Protein backbone atom coordinates (compact mmCIF):
# COMPACT_ATOMS: atom_id res chain seq x y z
CA GLY A 1 0.00 0.00 0.00
CA TYR A 2 0.94 3.62 -0.18
CA PHE A 3 -0.12 6.89 1.40
CA ILE A 4 0.91 10.31 0.19
CA GLY A 5 0.19 13.32 2.39
CA TYR A 6 -2.12 15.96 0.93
CA ASP A 7 0.69 18.52 0.56
CA PHE A 8 2.43 16.13 -1.85
CA TRP A 9 -0.51 15.16 -4.08
CA ASN A 10 -0.26 15.68 -7.84
CA MET A 11 3.53 15.55 -7.89
CA GLY A 12 3.84 12.07 -9.38
CA ILE A 13 5.29 10.61 -6.18
CA ALA A 14 2.83 7.71 -5.91
CA THR A 15 3.25 6.82 -9.59
CA LYS A 16 7.04 6.80 -9.25
CA ALA A 17 6.79 4.62 -6.15
CA VAL A 18 4.45 2.14 -7.86
CA ASN A 19 6.77 1.97 -10.88
CA LYS A 20 9.73 1.15 -8.61
CA ILE A 21 7.74 -1.54 -6.80
CA VAL A 22 6.68 -3.08 -10.13
CA GLU A 23 10.27 -2.98 -11.41
CA PHE A 24 11.48 -4.73 -8.25
CA GLY A 25 8.73 -7.34 -8.50
CA PHE A 26 9.43 -8.22 -12.12
CA LYS A 27 13.23 -7.93 -12.15
CA LYS A 28 14.32 -9.07 -8.69
CA LEU A 29 11.46 -11.34 -7.61
CA LYS A 30 10.85 -12.69 -11.13
CA LEU A 31 7.08 -12.25 -10.79
CA GLU A 32 4.95 -12.80 -13.88
CA LYS A 33 1.96 -10.72 -12.73
CA ILE A 34 1.21 -8.13 -10.06
CA TRP A 35 -2.32 -7.26 -8.99
CA SER A 36 -3.92 -4.67 -6.76
CA VAL A 37 -7.32 -4.21 -5.19
CA VAL A 38 -8.43 -0.61 -4.64
CA SER A 39 -11.52 0.89 -3.05
CA LYS A 40 -13.88 2.17 -5.72
CA ASN A 41 -14.06 5.35 -3.62
CA ASN A 42 -10.38 6.05 -4.36
CA PRO A 43 -10.20 7.08 -8.03
CA ALA A 44 -6.81 8.75 -7.52
CA SER A 45 -5.19 5.42 -6.57
CA ILE A 46 -6.90 3.71 -9.50
CA ARG A 47 -5.45 6.38 -11.79
CA VAL A 48 -1.95 5.96 -10.29
CA LEU A 49 -2.08 2.24 -11.11
CA GLU A 50 -3.42 2.87 -14.62
CA LYS A 51 -0.60 5.36 -15.28
CA SER A 52 1.79 2.59 -14.19
CA GLY A 53 0.40 0.20 -16.77
CA PHE A 54 -2.16 -1.69 -14.69
CA VAL A 55 -5.47 -2.60 -16.33
CA LYS A 56 -8.83 -3.23 -14.71
CA VAL A 57 -9.76 -6.90 -14.63
CA SER A 58 -12.83 -6.78 -12.40
CA GLU A 59 -15.01 -4.37 -10.52
CA ASP A 60 -17.89 -4.60 -8.08
CA ASP A 61 -19.79 -2.04 -6.03
CA LYS A 62 -16.93 -1.68 -3.48
CA GLU A 63 -13.60 -2.32 -5.17
CA VAL A 64 -11.65 -2.51 -8.41
CA LYS A 65 -9.05 -5.18 -9.19
CA LEU A 66 -6.21 -4.19 -11.50
CA GLU A 67 -3.25 -6.19 -12.73
CA LYS A 68 -0.08 -5.83 -14.72
CA SER A 69 1.69 -8.66 -16.48
CA LYS A 70 5.40 -8.86 -17.16
CA LYS A 71 6.24 -7.70 -20.68
């Protein structure tokens, strides 16, 4: 998970952090797929994941599941 204080929103910090985590997962841990579940009430986090290459794979009334596969 991640939390960015309000004073630091819209600076790309969360997206950079997610990209580093994904890079670590694919390169160092040799993962084939990474997924995330986000509250539907948190569109900013959904957008961060989408900017990092994650795609929505399912959605219900409470949460959205996104995943990214190794290239």
